[in-house]
N, C-alpha and C. Protein backbone atom coordinates (compact mmCIF):
# COMPACT_ATOMS: atom_id res chain seq x y z
N MET A 1 -12.76 -16.83 -12.46
CA MET A 1 -14.00 -16.40 -11.88
C MET A 1 -13.80 -14.97 -11.35
N ILE A 2 -14.86 -14.20 -11.34
CA ILE A 2 -14.83 -12.79 -10.95
C ILE A 2 -15.61 -12.59 -9.65
N LEU A 3 -15.03 -11.81 -8.73
CA LEU A 3 -15.73 -11.39 -7.52
C LEU A 3 -16.02 -9.91 -7.65
N VAL A 4 -17.25 -9.51 -7.30
CA VAL A 4 -17.63 -8.10 -7.29
C VAL A 4 -18.03 -7.75 -5.87
N THR A 5 -17.24 -6.88 -5.22
CA THR A 5 -17.64 -6.38 -3.91
C THR A 5 -18.62 -5.23 -4.15
N GLY A 6 -19.48 -4.97 -3.20
CA GLY A 6 -20.44 -3.87 -3.37
C GLY A 6 -21.40 -4.11 -4.52
N ALA A 7 -21.72 -5.36 -4.77
CA ALA A 7 -22.50 -5.75 -5.94
C ALA A 7 -23.92 -5.20 -5.97
N THR A 8 -24.46 -4.83 -4.83
CA THR A 8 -25.84 -4.33 -4.80
C THR A 8 -25.92 -2.81 -4.80
N GLY A 9 -24.78 -2.14 -4.86
CA GLY A 9 -24.76 -0.68 -4.79
C GLY A 9 -25.04 0.00 -6.11
N ARG A 10 -24.96 1.32 -6.09
CA ARG A 10 -25.32 2.11 -7.27
C ARG A 10 -24.32 1.94 -8.42
N VAL A 11 -23.11 1.53 -8.13
CA VAL A 11 -22.13 1.22 -9.17
C VAL A 11 -22.09 -0.29 -9.41
N GLY A 12 -22.16 -1.05 -8.33
CA GLY A 12 -22.06 -2.51 -8.43
C GLY A 12 -23.20 -3.15 -9.19
N TYR A 13 -24.42 -2.66 -8.98
CA TYR A 13 -25.56 -3.27 -9.66
C TYR A 13 -25.45 -3.16 -11.18
N PRO A 14 -25.16 -1.97 -11.73
CA PRO A 14 -24.99 -1.89 -13.19
C PRO A 14 -23.82 -2.73 -13.68
N LEU A 15 -22.76 -2.84 -12.88
CA LEU A 15 -21.65 -3.70 -13.26
C LEU A 15 -22.11 -5.16 -13.30
N MET A 16 -22.91 -5.58 -12.32
CA MET A 16 -23.44 -6.94 -12.32
C MET A 16 -24.35 -7.18 -13.52
N GLU A 17 -25.12 -6.16 -13.92
CA GLU A 17 -25.94 -6.29 -15.12
C GLU A 17 -25.07 -6.54 -16.35
N ALA A 18 -24.01 -5.74 -16.47
CA ALA A 18 -23.11 -5.87 -17.62
C ALA A 18 -22.41 -7.23 -17.62
N LEU A 19 -21.98 -7.69 -16.47
CA LEU A 19 -21.34 -9.00 -16.38
C LEU A 19 -22.33 -10.12 -16.70
N ALA A 20 -23.58 -9.97 -16.27
CA ALA A 20 -24.61 -10.97 -16.60
C ALA A 20 -24.85 -11.00 -18.10
N ASP A 21 -24.92 -9.81 -18.72
CA ASP A 21 -25.10 -9.74 -20.18
C ASP A 21 -23.95 -10.42 -20.91
N ALA A 22 -22.75 -10.32 -20.33
CA ALA A 22 -21.57 -10.92 -20.95
C ALA A 22 -21.43 -12.40 -20.60
N ARG A 23 -22.35 -12.90 -19.78
CA ARG A 23 -22.33 -14.29 -19.32
C ARG A 23 -21.01 -14.63 -18.61
N ALA A 24 -20.51 -13.67 -17.85
CA ALA A 24 -19.28 -13.86 -17.10
C ALA A 24 -19.55 -14.69 -15.85
N ASP A 25 -18.59 -15.51 -15.47
CA ASP A 25 -18.68 -16.33 -14.27
C ASP A 25 -18.42 -15.41 -13.07
N THR A 26 -19.49 -14.99 -12.40
CA THR A 26 -19.41 -13.92 -11.41
C THR A 26 -19.96 -14.36 -10.06
N THR A 27 -19.31 -13.87 -9.01
CA THR A 27 -19.78 -14.05 -7.64
C THR A 27 -19.94 -12.66 -7.03
N ALA A 28 -21.07 -12.42 -6.41
CA ALA A 28 -21.34 -11.14 -5.76
C ALA A 28 -21.00 -11.25 -4.28
N MET A 29 -20.28 -10.27 -3.75
CA MET A 29 -20.06 -10.20 -2.31
C MET A 29 -21.10 -9.25 -1.74
N VAL A 30 -21.94 -9.80 -0.86
CA VAL A 30 -23.04 -9.02 -0.29
C VAL A 30 -22.97 -9.10 1.24
N ARG A 31 -23.51 -8.08 1.90
CA ARG A 31 -23.55 -8.08 3.36
C ARG A 31 -24.72 -8.89 3.88
N VAL A 32 -25.81 -8.94 3.11
CA VAL A 32 -27.03 -9.65 3.52
C VAL A 32 -27.41 -10.60 2.38
N ALA A 33 -27.53 -11.88 2.71
CA ALA A 33 -27.79 -12.89 1.68
C ALA A 33 -29.04 -12.60 0.87
N ALA A 34 -30.08 -12.10 1.50
CA ALA A 34 -31.35 -11.84 0.81
C ALA A 34 -31.18 -10.83 -0.33
N ARG A 35 -30.21 -9.92 -0.22
CA ARG A 35 -30.00 -8.92 -1.27
C ARG A 35 -29.50 -9.56 -2.57
N ALA A 36 -28.85 -10.70 -2.48
CA ALA A 36 -28.32 -11.37 -3.67
C ALA A 36 -29.44 -11.85 -4.59
N ALA A 37 -30.62 -12.11 -4.04
CA ALA A 37 -31.74 -12.60 -4.85
C ALA A 37 -32.17 -11.58 -5.91
N ASP A 38 -31.92 -10.30 -5.67
CA ASP A 38 -32.34 -9.25 -6.59
C ASP A 38 -31.31 -8.90 -7.65
N LEU A 39 -30.17 -9.58 -7.65
CA LEU A 39 -29.11 -9.25 -8.61
C LEU A 39 -29.44 -9.81 -9.99
N PRO A 40 -28.97 -9.12 -11.03
CA PRO A 40 -29.21 -9.61 -12.40
C PRO A 40 -28.46 -10.90 -12.68
N GLY A 41 -29.01 -11.67 -13.59
CA GLY A 41 -28.39 -12.93 -13.96
C GLY A 41 -28.57 -13.95 -12.84
N THR A 42 -27.68 -14.90 -12.80
CA THR A 42 -27.73 -15.94 -11.77
C THR A 42 -26.36 -16.07 -11.10
N PRO A 43 -25.87 -14.97 -10.54
CA PRO A 43 -24.54 -15.05 -9.93
C PRO A 43 -24.58 -15.82 -8.61
N ARG A 44 -23.44 -16.43 -8.30
CA ARG A 44 -23.27 -16.97 -6.95
C ARG A 44 -23.07 -15.77 -6.03
N HIS A 45 -23.14 -16.01 -4.74
CA HIS A 45 -22.86 -14.92 -3.81
C HIS A 45 -22.14 -15.46 -2.58
N VAL A 46 -21.43 -14.57 -1.94
CA VAL A 46 -20.77 -14.85 -0.67
C VAL A 46 -21.14 -13.70 0.27
N VAL A 47 -21.50 -14.05 1.50
CA VAL A 47 -21.86 -13.04 2.49
C VAL A 47 -20.58 -12.65 3.23
N ALA A 48 -20.19 -11.39 3.08
CA ALA A 48 -18.97 -10.87 3.72
C ALA A 48 -19.00 -9.35 3.61
N THR A 49 -18.05 -8.72 4.26
CA THR A 49 -17.88 -7.27 4.16
C THR A 49 -16.41 -6.98 3.91
N LEU A 50 -16.10 -5.75 3.56
CA LEU A 50 -14.71 -5.40 3.33
C LEU A 50 -13.87 -5.55 4.60
N ASP A 51 -14.46 -5.25 5.75
CA ASP A 51 -13.70 -5.38 6.99
C ASP A 51 -13.83 -6.77 7.62
N GLU A 52 -14.67 -7.62 7.08
CA GLU A 52 -14.76 -9.03 7.45
C GLU A 52 -14.85 -9.84 6.16
N PRO A 53 -13.70 -9.92 5.44
CA PRO A 53 -13.68 -10.56 4.11
C PRO A 53 -13.98 -12.06 4.17
N PRO A 54 -14.25 -12.63 3.02
CA PRO A 54 -14.46 -14.08 2.97
C PRO A 54 -13.19 -14.81 3.42
N PRO A 55 -13.33 -16.07 3.82
CA PRO A 55 -12.15 -16.86 4.21
C PRO A 55 -11.17 -17.01 3.04
N ALA A 56 -9.92 -17.30 3.37
CA ALA A 56 -8.87 -17.43 2.36
C ALA A 56 -9.25 -18.44 1.27
N ARG A 57 -9.82 -19.57 1.66
CA ARG A 57 -10.17 -20.61 0.67
C ARG A 57 -11.17 -20.07 -0.36
N VAL A 58 -12.04 -19.14 0.05
CA VAL A 58 -13.00 -18.53 -0.87
C VAL A 58 -12.30 -17.51 -1.75
N LEU A 59 -11.47 -16.67 -1.16
CA LEU A 59 -10.76 -15.64 -1.94
C LEU A 59 -9.86 -16.26 -3.01
N GLN A 60 -9.34 -17.44 -2.76
CA GLN A 60 -8.45 -18.11 -3.70
C GLN A 60 -9.16 -18.57 -4.98
N GLU A 61 -10.48 -18.56 -4.99
CA GLU A 61 -11.24 -19.00 -6.16
C GLU A 61 -11.25 -17.96 -7.29
N PHE A 62 -10.92 -16.70 -6.99
CA PHE A 62 -11.12 -15.62 -7.94
C PHE A 62 -9.82 -15.20 -8.62
N ASP A 63 -9.89 -15.05 -9.94
CA ASP A 63 -8.72 -14.54 -10.66
C ASP A 63 -8.87 -13.05 -10.96
N ARG A 64 -10.07 -12.51 -10.77
CA ARG A 64 -10.33 -11.08 -10.95
C ARG A 64 -11.27 -10.61 -9.85
N ILE A 65 -10.99 -9.42 -9.33
CA ILE A 65 -11.86 -8.83 -8.31
C ILE A 65 -12.12 -7.38 -8.67
N PHE A 66 -13.40 -7.02 -8.73
CA PHE A 66 -13.79 -5.61 -8.84
C PHE A 66 -14.02 -5.13 -7.42
N LEU A 67 -13.19 -4.21 -6.96
CA LEU A 67 -13.26 -3.70 -5.60
C LEU A 67 -14.08 -2.41 -5.58
N LEU A 68 -15.32 -2.53 -5.14
CA LEU A 68 -16.21 -1.37 -4.99
C LEU A 68 -16.43 -1.18 -3.50
N SER A 69 -16.38 0.06 -3.06
CA SER A 69 -16.56 0.32 -1.64
C SER A 69 -17.35 1.61 -1.46
N PRO A 70 -17.96 1.76 -0.28
CA PRO A 70 -18.74 2.97 -0.05
C PRO A 70 -17.85 4.20 0.06
N GLU A 71 -18.38 5.32 -0.38
CA GLU A 71 -17.64 6.58 -0.28
C GLU A 71 -17.87 7.16 1.10
N ILE A 72 -17.10 6.65 2.06
CA ILE A 72 -17.18 7.09 3.44
C ILE A 72 -15.77 7.39 3.93
N GLU A 73 -15.67 7.99 5.08
CA GLU A 73 -14.37 8.37 5.63
C GLU A 73 -13.45 7.16 5.81
N GLU A 74 -14.02 6.01 6.14
CA GLU A 74 -13.24 4.80 6.39
C GLU A 74 -12.93 4.01 5.12
N GLN A 75 -13.23 4.55 3.96
CA GLN A 75 -13.10 3.82 2.70
C GLN A 75 -11.71 3.21 2.53
N ALA A 76 -10.66 3.98 2.68
CA ALA A 76 -9.31 3.48 2.47
C ALA A 76 -8.97 2.37 3.46
N ALA A 77 -9.39 2.53 4.71
CA ALA A 77 -9.11 1.51 5.72
C ALA A 77 -9.84 0.21 5.39
N LEU A 78 -11.09 0.30 4.95
CA LEU A 78 -11.85 -0.90 4.57
C LEU A 78 -11.20 -1.61 3.39
N GLU A 79 -10.81 -0.85 2.38
CA GLU A 79 -10.17 -1.45 1.21
C GLU A 79 -8.84 -2.11 1.59
N THR A 80 -8.10 -1.48 2.50
CA THR A 80 -6.82 -2.04 2.94
C THR A 80 -7.02 -3.37 3.64
N VAL A 81 -8.03 -3.46 4.52
CA VAL A 81 -8.32 -4.71 5.21
C VAL A 81 -8.62 -5.81 4.18
N PHE A 82 -9.44 -5.48 3.19
CA PHE A 82 -9.81 -6.47 2.17
C PHE A 82 -8.59 -6.90 1.35
N ILE A 83 -7.80 -5.95 0.87
CA ILE A 83 -6.62 -6.28 0.06
C ILE A 83 -5.61 -7.07 0.89
N ASP A 84 -5.46 -6.73 2.15
CA ASP A 84 -4.57 -7.50 3.03
C ASP A 84 -5.06 -8.93 3.16
N ALA A 85 -6.37 -9.15 3.23
CA ALA A 85 -6.92 -10.51 3.33
C ALA A 85 -6.64 -11.30 2.05
N VAL A 86 -6.76 -10.64 0.91
CA VAL A 86 -6.45 -11.31 -0.37
C VAL A 86 -4.97 -11.70 -0.39
N THR A 87 -4.12 -10.79 0.04
CA THR A 87 -2.69 -11.07 0.06
C THR A 87 -2.38 -12.21 1.03
N ALA A 88 -2.97 -12.18 2.21
CA ALA A 88 -2.76 -13.23 3.21
C ALA A 88 -3.25 -14.59 2.72
N ALA A 89 -4.22 -14.58 1.81
CA ALA A 89 -4.73 -15.84 1.26
C ALA A 89 -3.72 -16.52 0.35
N GLY A 90 -2.65 -15.80 0.03
CA GLY A 90 -1.61 -16.37 -0.82
C GLY A 90 -2.00 -16.44 -2.28
N HIS A 91 -2.94 -15.63 -2.65
CA HIS A 91 -3.45 -15.63 -4.02
C HIS A 91 -3.29 -14.23 -4.58
N ARG A 92 -3.00 -14.11 -5.86
CA ARG A 92 -2.73 -12.80 -6.46
C ARG A 92 -3.65 -12.52 -7.64
N PRO A 93 -4.94 -12.32 -7.39
CA PRO A 93 -5.85 -11.99 -8.51
C PRO A 93 -5.60 -10.58 -9.01
N HIS A 94 -6.11 -10.30 -10.17
CA HIS A 94 -6.06 -8.93 -10.70
C HIS A 94 -7.20 -8.17 -10.04
N ILE A 95 -6.87 -7.10 -9.33
CA ILE A 95 -7.87 -6.30 -8.64
C ILE A 95 -8.04 -4.97 -9.36
N VAL A 96 -9.28 -4.63 -9.66
CA VAL A 96 -9.59 -3.34 -10.25
C VAL A 96 -10.45 -2.58 -9.25
N LYS A 97 -9.95 -1.44 -8.81
CA LYS A 97 -10.69 -0.57 -7.90
C LYS A 97 -11.67 0.23 -8.72
N VAL A 98 -12.94 0.14 -8.37
CA VAL A 98 -13.97 0.88 -9.08
C VAL A 98 -14.58 1.87 -8.10
N CYS A 99 -14.70 3.12 -8.53
CA CYS A 99 -15.31 4.13 -7.67
C CYS A 99 -16.24 5.00 -8.51
N ALA A 100 -16.91 5.92 -7.86
CA ALA A 100 -17.92 6.72 -8.52
C ALA A 100 -17.38 7.54 -9.69
N ASP A 101 -16.08 7.83 -9.68
CA ASP A 101 -15.54 8.67 -10.75
C ASP A 101 -14.55 7.94 -11.65
N GLY A 102 -14.50 6.62 -11.60
CA GLY A 102 -13.65 5.91 -12.55
C GLY A 102 -13.11 4.61 -12.00
N PHE A 103 -12.18 4.03 -12.77
CA PHE A 103 -11.55 2.76 -12.45
C PHE A 103 -10.10 3.03 -12.12
N GLN A 104 -9.54 2.27 -11.20
CA GLN A 104 -8.13 2.39 -10.90
C GLN A 104 -7.58 1.01 -10.63
N ASP A 105 -6.41 0.72 -11.16
CA ASP A 105 -5.75 -0.54 -10.95
C ASP A 105 -5.18 -0.56 -9.53
N ALA A 106 -5.46 -1.62 -8.77
CA ALA A 106 -4.98 -1.70 -7.39
C ALA A 106 -3.47 -1.62 -7.33
N GLN A 107 -2.78 -2.14 -8.34
CA GLN A 107 -1.33 -2.07 -8.36
C GLN A 107 -0.87 -0.62 -8.39
N ALA A 108 -1.57 0.21 -9.15
CA ALA A 108 -1.22 1.63 -9.23
C ALA A 108 -1.49 2.33 -7.90
N MET A 109 -2.38 1.74 -7.08
CA MET A 109 -2.69 2.32 -5.77
C MET A 109 -1.62 1.97 -4.76
N GLY A 110 -0.60 1.20 -5.18
CA GLY A 110 0.44 0.80 -4.25
C GLY A 110 0.08 -0.45 -3.48
N ALA A 111 -0.85 -1.23 -4.00
CA ALA A 111 -1.30 -2.43 -3.29
C ALA A 111 -0.49 -3.65 -3.66
N GLY A 112 0.63 -3.46 -4.33
CA GLY A 112 1.46 -4.60 -4.69
C GLY A 112 1.12 -5.11 -6.07
N ASP A 113 1.74 -6.23 -6.40
CA ASP A 113 1.58 -6.80 -7.74
C ASP A 113 0.44 -7.80 -7.73
N PHE A 114 -0.66 -7.45 -8.34
CA PHE A 114 -1.81 -8.33 -8.44
C PHE A 114 -1.97 -8.80 -9.88
N GLY A 115 -0.89 -9.17 -10.52
CA GLY A 115 -0.98 -9.76 -11.84
C GLY A 115 -0.72 -8.79 -12.97
N GLY A 116 -0.34 -7.59 -12.69
CA GLY A 116 -0.03 -6.64 -13.75
C GLY A 116 -1.26 -6.27 -14.53
N GLY A 117 -1.06 -5.78 -15.71
CA GLY A 117 -2.20 -5.47 -16.55
C GLY A 117 -2.20 -4.04 -17.01
N ASP A 118 -2.81 -3.83 -18.15
CA ASP A 118 -2.92 -2.50 -18.72
C ASP A 118 -4.35 -2.03 -18.56
N MET A 119 -4.53 -0.79 -18.20
CA MET A 119 -5.86 -0.22 -18.14
C MET A 119 -5.82 1.15 -18.76
N ASN A 120 -6.87 1.49 -19.42
CA ASN A 120 -7.00 2.82 -19.99
C ASN A 120 -8.29 3.42 -19.45
N PRO A 121 -8.21 4.12 -18.29
CA PRO A 121 -9.43 4.63 -17.69
C PRO A 121 -10.21 5.56 -18.60
N GLY A 122 -9.54 6.18 -19.56
CA GLY A 122 -10.25 7.05 -20.49
C GLY A 122 -11.25 6.30 -21.35
N ASP A 123 -11.03 4.99 -21.51
CA ASP A 123 -11.93 4.18 -22.32
C ASP A 123 -13.12 3.65 -21.53
N MET A 124 -13.00 3.60 -20.20
CA MET A 124 -14.09 3.13 -19.35
C MET A 124 -14.37 4.22 -18.34
N ASN A 125 -15.52 4.81 -18.40
CA ASN A 125 -15.89 5.90 -17.51
C ASN A 125 -17.02 5.43 -16.62
N GLN A 126 -16.81 5.45 -15.31
CA GLN A 126 -17.83 4.95 -14.39
C GLN A 126 -19.14 5.72 -14.52
N GLY A 127 -19.08 6.98 -14.94
CA GLY A 127 -20.29 7.77 -15.10
C GLY A 127 -21.20 7.23 -16.18
N ASP A 128 -20.67 6.40 -17.05
CA ASP A 128 -21.48 5.82 -18.13
C ASP A 128 -21.29 4.32 -18.15
N MET A 129 -22.00 3.61 -17.27
CA MET A 129 -21.87 2.17 -17.17
C MET A 129 -22.35 1.45 -18.42
N ASN A 130 -23.03 2.17 -19.32
CA ASN A 130 -23.45 1.53 -20.56
C ASN A 130 -22.26 1.04 -21.36
N GLN A 131 -21.13 1.75 -21.24
CA GLN A 131 -19.92 1.31 -21.94
C GLN A 131 -19.47 -0.05 -21.45
N ALA A 132 -19.74 -0.35 -20.19
CA ALA A 132 -19.28 -1.61 -19.61
C ALA A 132 -20.09 -2.79 -20.10
N ALA A 133 -21.21 -2.55 -20.77
CA ALA A 133 -22.06 -3.64 -21.22
C ALA A 133 -21.41 -4.46 -22.32
N ASP A 134 -20.44 -3.90 -23.05
CA ASP A 134 -19.79 -4.63 -24.13
C ASP A 134 -18.44 -5.12 -23.64
N PHE A 135 -18.43 -6.34 -23.08
CA PHE A 135 -17.20 -6.88 -22.53
C PHE A 135 -16.31 -7.49 -23.60
N GLY A 136 -16.85 -7.75 -24.76
CA GLY A 136 -16.03 -8.23 -25.86
C GLY A 136 -15.28 -9.50 -25.52
N ASP A 137 -14.02 -9.53 -25.91
CA ASP A 137 -13.17 -10.71 -25.82
C ASP A 137 -12.48 -10.78 -24.46
N TRP A 138 -12.69 -11.87 -23.72
CA TRP A 138 -12.02 -12.07 -22.44
C TRP A 138 -10.76 -12.90 -22.63
N GLY A 139 -10.37 -13.16 -23.86
CA GLY A 139 -9.33 -14.14 -24.09
C GLY A 139 -7.92 -13.63 -24.22
N GLY A 140 -7.67 -12.37 -24.35
CA GLY A 140 -6.29 -11.88 -24.46
C GLY A 140 -6.29 -10.47 -24.96
N GLY A 141 -5.42 -9.67 -24.46
CA GLY A 141 -5.36 -8.28 -24.86
C GLY A 141 -5.29 -7.38 -23.65
N ASP A 142 -5.76 -6.17 -23.79
CA ASP A 142 -5.69 -5.27 -22.66
C ASP A 142 -7.05 -4.67 -22.36
N PHE A 143 -7.14 -4.08 -21.19
CA PHE A 143 -8.37 -3.44 -20.76
C PHE A 143 -8.32 -2.04 -21.32
N GLY A 144 -8.85 -1.87 -22.51
CA GLY A 144 -8.76 -0.57 -23.15
C GLY A 144 -9.89 -0.40 -24.14
N GLY A 145 -9.63 0.29 -25.21
CA GLY A 145 -10.65 0.62 -26.18
C GLY A 145 -11.30 -0.59 -26.81
N GLY A 146 -12.51 -0.42 -27.25
CA GLY A 146 -13.22 -1.44 -28.01
C GLY A 146 -13.85 -2.51 -27.15
N GLY A 147 -13.80 -2.41 -25.84
CA GLY A 147 -14.42 -3.42 -25.00
C GLY A 147 -13.64 -4.70 -24.90
N ASP A 148 -12.33 -4.69 -25.22
CA ASP A 148 -11.51 -5.90 -25.14
C ASP A 148 -10.91 -6.00 -23.76
N TRP A 149 -11.46 -6.90 -22.95
CA TRP A 149 -11.01 -7.02 -21.57
C TRP A 149 -9.90 -8.04 -21.43
N GLY A 150 -9.59 -8.76 -22.48
CA GLY A 150 -8.46 -9.69 -22.43
C GLY A 150 -8.54 -10.63 -21.24
N GLY A 151 -7.42 -10.82 -20.63
CA GLY A 151 -7.36 -11.68 -19.46
C GLY A 151 -6.47 -12.88 -19.68
N GLY A 152 -5.70 -12.89 -20.76
CA GLY A 152 -4.82 -14.00 -21.07
C GLY A 152 -3.73 -14.19 -20.05
N GLY A 153 -2.79 -15.05 -20.37
CA GLY A 153 -1.76 -15.49 -19.45
C GLY A 153 -1.00 -14.40 -18.73
N GLY A 154 -0.84 -13.22 -19.32
CA GLY A 154 -0.07 -12.17 -18.68
C GLY A 154 -0.84 -11.40 -17.64
N GLY A 155 -2.07 -11.72 -17.39
CA GLY A 155 -2.86 -11.02 -16.41
C GLY A 155 -3.45 -9.71 -16.92
N ASP A 156 -3.28 -9.44 -18.21
CA ASP A 156 -3.81 -8.19 -18.76
C ASP A 156 -5.29 -8.28 -18.97
N TRP A 157 -5.97 -7.20 -18.69
CA TRP A 157 -7.40 -7.11 -18.97
C TRP A 157 -7.50 -6.29 -20.20
């Protein structure tokens, strides 16, 4: 299952559209429950914030997390609180940091080992979310060209 933080934002909403088109099993993390009603598809939602993350039992449900956060001065601190909560939950999902100018693997950010994985940011550009609409095969491979997001046993997207 996939968790998308910032699901109602300017980056999160198009990502939720693409995930809905791909019929991905998705949960939106929203600050206000009423905002979840306007999301594309029929995603589940959890009411939480980056600095007040969902409980550990909820975080343990997700094998993939798209970490979207506001571009504010406290951005790094908010993301750290959230990643620390995931770590404290004793669960190691694959986390992909998504920001206005691209995608970054949380492992590459020094956030520890969240399942490894290959990413080719040159193949996915946040400025063009239309590319994200073709999720292709979720069954194995890497997160790279051709829309193959993989996700097999090795944790590769």
